[in-house]
């Protein structure tokens, strides 16, 4: 298989993971990335091990996200923030917490099936602890407890919520579910270090692809010859489709999240979701913790995370949806500081509706942002599959990062078909490259990426305990 050459366009989580996967099973590839670092796209922060943030998506998508999340954890174990997620329904929302129960029970059963199939899939804790409902009395009983730096029980994880959330604005019961976080800086670090260690992968950063040609059974990418081409160009996948001569319907949506610092909230928090109707002033609020009192905030309103004209469809003339120049400038050149400050302040205000003492938080200067592709015309799609054109071209149009391994496996089957050679059983790949990476090296590289991208270095760390063991690059000045 080393004689087979695969070109991969795009060094985000999709392209980097496909290159890593192929390198692990003995396939040579070249990865093209237009920026100077890998995995620098939209604000990834949540594993979606069940998709419970999204009330509107199908059970089928939720089951797919659960399975894919477990696979993702096996590929990138050092990128996961092992803390649960709380889902709360505000009193002014039409939904009820109990509405999630049938889905949660279904996902719990599916998680048990994954463990029965392979004990190594037990990565979300015990099956019986996949989710739990907390009553009003149970939450009230936790209000006087001391919040901990290292919670171990489900009750201990609930303490910060009980002490700080305005419970008069929340319906009961409250749901706690084992949906964990993904740290995008650690993900970029692991991908960078792992690909650097794989002899079969060549990474070309600062390389924006200019020309693609099909010559018989080969692809020429800027003059380099490949047997197979993978389009993993993120929200610019339509540009690659156009260059390759393929038509594809898709959506692109520009989104942002905001980093804030709240000195009084330096204990270990779970992630907290306040459900709400997307696109309205009461859209979902997402409260994602990092060490040292930093939080990533989403507010699914058009004044915070979403934008007017931020969701664009492709047309008959091009597979690439045409975002407004304003959004492209924000992606390529950065944000106006005053505009970023305004939106960051709104995000804090939105979350302070439910967490009053969070009103004293301050936004950091730079949001997390990017454009997300969605294949087809369903804006609610969250679990996507790889798509193919003939037998020599694949698209990895991920909507959620956890989908990457399912896509890589399907591509490996295509490669086996065109080569006529047997691959090793790629479903049993144990990803020795990422598992051999050292914690200190991962964190060092992740911190360097934080500094390079102008974000607080605390965002490179997973826990206070591990952070204290590392040589400190401080947050001073950020």
Foldseek 3Di string as FASTA:
>chain_A
DQVAEEEEEAQALQRLVLCLLCLLQRYFYEYEAQAFFGHQFFDAKWQLLQVVLDPPDDLVLSLLSNVLSLVVCLQFVLFWQFFWEKEWEFPPAPDDPVVCVVSQVVSLVSLVVVCVVPVSSCPLDDSVVQKDWDFPVLLCVLQPPDAAQDDDDPSNQSNVVSNFWPCVGTDDTMMIGSIIIGQSLLSRLLSVQLQVPRPSYHYHYSDDWDAWDDDPQWIATVRDIGNFYEQAHFLCSQVVCVRHVHAFKKKKFKWWKFKKADQVPQHDHHKYWHDDDAADPLHIWTWADFHRRMTIIDGRYCLATGHVQRMFIDDPVTNRTDGPVVRVCCVPPNDDQVSSQRRNLSRQVSVCVTRVSSNPMHIDRHIRIHMAMGGDDDPSDQADEWDDDDLRYIYDRHRHSSNSVRNSVVNVVSVCVVVVDDTDPSVPRSNVSSVPDDSQSSLVSSLVVCVVVVHFSSSSDNGPVVQVVYDDDHRPPD
